[in-house]
Amino acid sequence: MNSIHDILSSNKVVLIDFYADWCGPCRMIAPIIEEIKREKEGIVKVMKVNVDEEPELAEQYKVMSIPTLLIIKEGKLVKQLVGYRSKADILNALDA
């Protein structure tokens, strides 16, 4: 697990996947997140945050439901995707 400092200081785009092990849609989106992680290695930093283990971080980013994907550029939140999303939706959000 990377720290919040890593997120804010990264010069890469950061994709944070807020999830829980018991969440069905989270399990459905997990393979897509892994594909994006492999395909965008070196360009996008991908982090997974289990909301049951990191409730403070989820609260800090106002995560109300899961899965929630946050896209952070230069330390600032630029996009929040809530619920299951297709790979195309996620890639479009990353490229915007």
C-alpha atoms as a PDB file:
ATOM      1  CA  MET A   1       0.000   0.000   0.000  1.00  0.00           C
ATOM      2  CA  ASN A   2       1.322   3.399  -0.958  1.00  0.00           C
ATOM      3  CA  SER A   3       0.918   6.321   1.371  1.00  0.00           C
ATOM      4  CA  ILE A   4      -1.159   9.427   0.778  1.00  0.00           C
ATOM      5  CA  HIS A   5       2.180  11.247   0.441  1.00  0.00           C
ATOM      6  CA  ASP A   6       3.010   9.063  -2.577  1.00  0.00           C
ATOM      7  CA  ILE A   7      -0.309  10.030  -4.137  1.00  0.00           C
ATOM      8  CA  LEU A   8       0.109  13.748  -3.653  1.00  0.00           C
ATOM      9  CA  SER A   9       3.763  13.860  -4.685  1.00  0.00           C
ATOM     10  CA  SER A  10       3.497  11.604  -7.744  1.00  0.00           C
ATOM     11  CA  ASN A  11       4.200  13.261 -11.068  1.00  0.00           C
ATOM     12  CA  LYS A  12       2.140  10.513 -12.714  1.00  0.00           C
ATOM     13  CA  VAL A  13      -1.599  10.295 -13.012  1.00  0.00           C
ATOM     14  CA  VAL A  14      -2.883   8.277 -10.042  1.00  0.00           C
ATOM     15  CA  LEU A  15      -5.892   5.951 -10.251  1.00  0.00           C
ATOM     16  CA  ILE A  16      -7.199   4.932  -6.832  1.00  0.00           C
ATOM     17  CA  ASP A  17      -9.669   2.060  -6.618  1.00  0.00           C
ATOM     18  CA  PHE A  18     -11.676   2.192  -3.373  1.00  0.00           C
ATOM     19  CA  TYR A  19     -13.155  -1.284  -2.834  1.00  0.00           C
ATOM     20  CA  ALA A  20     -14.100  -3.945  -0.295  1.00  0.00           C
ATOM     21  CA  ASP A  21     -13.666  -7.715  -0.507  1.00  0.00           C
ATOM     22  CA  TRP A  22     -17.400  -8.300   0.071  1.00  0.00           C
ATOM     23  CA  CYS A  23     -18.483  -5.921  -2.742  1.00  0.00           C
ATOM     24  CA  GLY A  24     -19.733  -7.692  -5.892  1.00  0.00           C
ATOM     25  CA  PRO A  25     -19.244  -4.776  -8.313  1.00  0.00           C
ATOM     26  CA  CYS A  26     -15.756  -4.259  -6.821  1.00  0.00           C
ATOM     27  CA  ARG A  27     -14.862  -7.853  -7.684  1.00  0.00           C
ATOM     28  CA  MET A  28     -16.264  -7.332 -11.201  1.00  0.00           C
ATOM     29  CA  ILE A  29     -14.135  -4.233 -11.822  1.00  0.00           C
ATOM     30  CA  ALA A  30     -10.923  -5.647 -10.273  1.00  0.00           C
ATOM     31  CA  PRO A  31      -9.697  -7.455 -13.444  1.00  0.00           C
ATOM     32  CA  ILE A  32     -10.258  -4.270 -15.472  1.00  0.00           C
ATOM     33  CA  ILE A  33      -8.197  -2.268 -12.978  1.00  0.00           C
ATOM     34  CA  GLU A  34      -5.413  -4.887 -13.209  1.00  0.00           C
ATOM     35  CA  GLU A  35      -5.442  -4.691 -17.035  1.00  0.00           C
ATOM     36  CA  ILE A  36      -5.182  -0.904 -16.908  1.00  0.00           C
ATOM     37  CA  LYS A  37      -2.358  -1.191 -14.374  1.00  0.00           C
ATOM     38  CA  ARG A  38      -0.393  -3.436 -16.752  1.00  0.00           C
ATOM     39  CA  GLU A  39      -1.187  -1.439 -19.888  1.00  0.00           C
ATOM     40  CA  LYS A  40      -0.466   1.975 -18.367  1.00  0.00           C
ATOM     41  CA  GLU A  41       2.589   0.958 -16.319  1.00  0.00           C
ATOM     42  CA  GLY A  42       4.976   3.898 -16.073  1.00  0.00           C
ATOM     43  CA  ILE A  43       2.219   6.333 -17.077  1.00  0.00           C
ATOM     44  CA  VAL A  44      -0.486   5.768 -14.469  1.00  0.00           C
ATOM     45  CA  LYS A  45       0.115   4.793 -10.846  1.00  0.00           C
ATOM     46  CA  VAL A  46      -2.672   2.429  -9.753  1.00  0.00           C
ATOM     47  CA  MET A  47      -3.535   2.013  -6.091  1.00  0.00           C
ATOM     48  CA  LYS A  48      -6.170  -0.118  -4.403  1.00  0.00           C
ATOM     49  CA  VAL A  49      -7.655   1.006  -1.097  1.00  0.00           C
ATOM     50  CA  ASN A  50      -9.772  -1.389   0.948  1.00  0.00           C
ATOM     51  CA  VAL A  51     -12.363   0.848   2.642  1.00  0.00           C
ATOM     52  CA  ASP A  52     -12.684  -1.604   5.543  1.00  0.00           C
ATOM     53  CA  GLU A  53      -8.933  -1.347   6.260  1.00  0.00           C
ATOM     54  CA  GLU A  54      -8.489   2.368   5.411  1.00  0.00           C
ATOM     55  CA  PRO A  55     -11.713   4.113   6.508  1.00  0.00           C
ATOM     56  CA  GLU A  56      -9.918   7.407   7.200  1.00  0.00           C
ATOM     57  CA  LEU A  57      -8.602   7.608   3.632  1.00  0.00           C
ATOM     58  CA  ALA A  58     -12.041   6.782   2.229  1.00  0.00           C
ATOM     59  CA  GLU A  59     -13.545   9.495   4.428  1.00  0.00           C
ATOM     60  CA  GLN A  60     -10.872  12.003   3.408  1.00  0.00           C
ATOM     61  CA  TYR A  61     -11.856  11.530  -0.251  1.00  0.00           C
ATOM     62  CA  LYS A  62     -15.585  11.476   0.594  1.00  0.00           C
ATOM     63  CA  VAL A  63     -16.093   7.952  -0.722  1.00  0.00           C
ATOM     64  CA  MET A  64     -19.755   7.160  -0.016  1.00  0.00           C
ATOM     65  CA  SER A  65     -20.214   3.999  -2.086  1.00  0.00           C
ATOM     66  CA  ILE A  66     -17.974   1.458  -3.733  1.00  0.00           C
ATOM     67  CA  PRO A  67     -16.435   0.846  -6.082  1.00  0.00           C
ATOM     68  CA  THR A  68     -15.231   4.418  -6.386  1.00  0.00           C
ATOM     69  CA  LEU A  69     -12.362   5.297  -8.698  1.00  0.00           C
ATOM     70  CA  LEU A  70     -10.492   8.553  -8.184  1.00  0.00           C
ATOM     71  CA  ILE A  71      -8.200  10.091 -10.758  1.00  0.00           C
ATOM     72  CA  ILE A  72      -5.587  12.412  -9.316  1.00  0.00           C
ATOM     73  CA  LYS A  73      -3.263  14.589 -11.378  1.00  0.00           C
ATOM     74  CA  GLU A  74      -0.500  16.670  -9.810  1.00  0.00           C
ATOM     75  CA  GLY A  75      -1.904  15.958  -6.357  1.00  0.00           C
ATOM     76  CA  LYS A  76      -5.405  17.173  -7.184  1.00  0.00           C
ATOM     77  CA  LEU A  77      -8.581  15.159  -7.599  1.00  0.00           C
ATOM     78  CA  VAL A  78      -9.751  15.638 -11.191  1.00  0.00           C
ATOM     79  CA  LYS A  79     -12.356  12.891 -11.644  1.00  0.00           C
ATOM     80  CA  GLN A  80     -14.437  10.551  -9.509  1.00  0.00           C
ATOM     81  CA  LEU A  81     -16.184   7.511 -10.995  1.00  0.00           C
ATOM     82  CA  VAL A  82     -18.719   5.778  -8.755  1.00  0.00           C
ATOM     83  CA  GLY A  83     -20.013   2.267  -9.389  1.00  0.00           C
ATOM     84  CA  TYR A  84     -19.025  -0.314 -11.957  1.00  0.00           C
ATOM     85  CA  ARG A  85     -17.494   1.217 -15.103  1.00  0.00           C
ATOM     86  CA  SER A  86     -16.328  -0.311 -18.349  1.00  0.00           C
ATOM     87  CA  LYS A  87     -12.663  -0.325 -19.270  1.00  0.00           C
ATOM     88  CA  ALA A  88     -13.420   2.220 -22.022  1.00  0.00           C
ATOM     89  CA  ASP A  89     -15.075   4.583 -19.504  1.00  0.00           C
ATOM     90  CA  ILE A  90     -12.078   4.382 -17.188  1.00  0.00           C
ATOM     91  CA  LEU A  91      -9.544   4.882 -19.977  1.00  0.00           C
ATOM     92  CA  ASN A  92     -11.506   7.869 -21.320  1.00  0.00           C
ATOM     93  CA  ALA A  93     -11.516   9.421 -17.849  1.00  0.00           C
ATOM     94  CA  LEU A  94      -7.758   8.837 -17.504  1.00  0.00           C
ATOM     95  CA  ASP A  95      -7.055  10.418 -20.893  1.00  0.00           C
ATOM     96  CA  ALA A  96      -9.302  13.455 -20.341  1.00  0.00           C
END
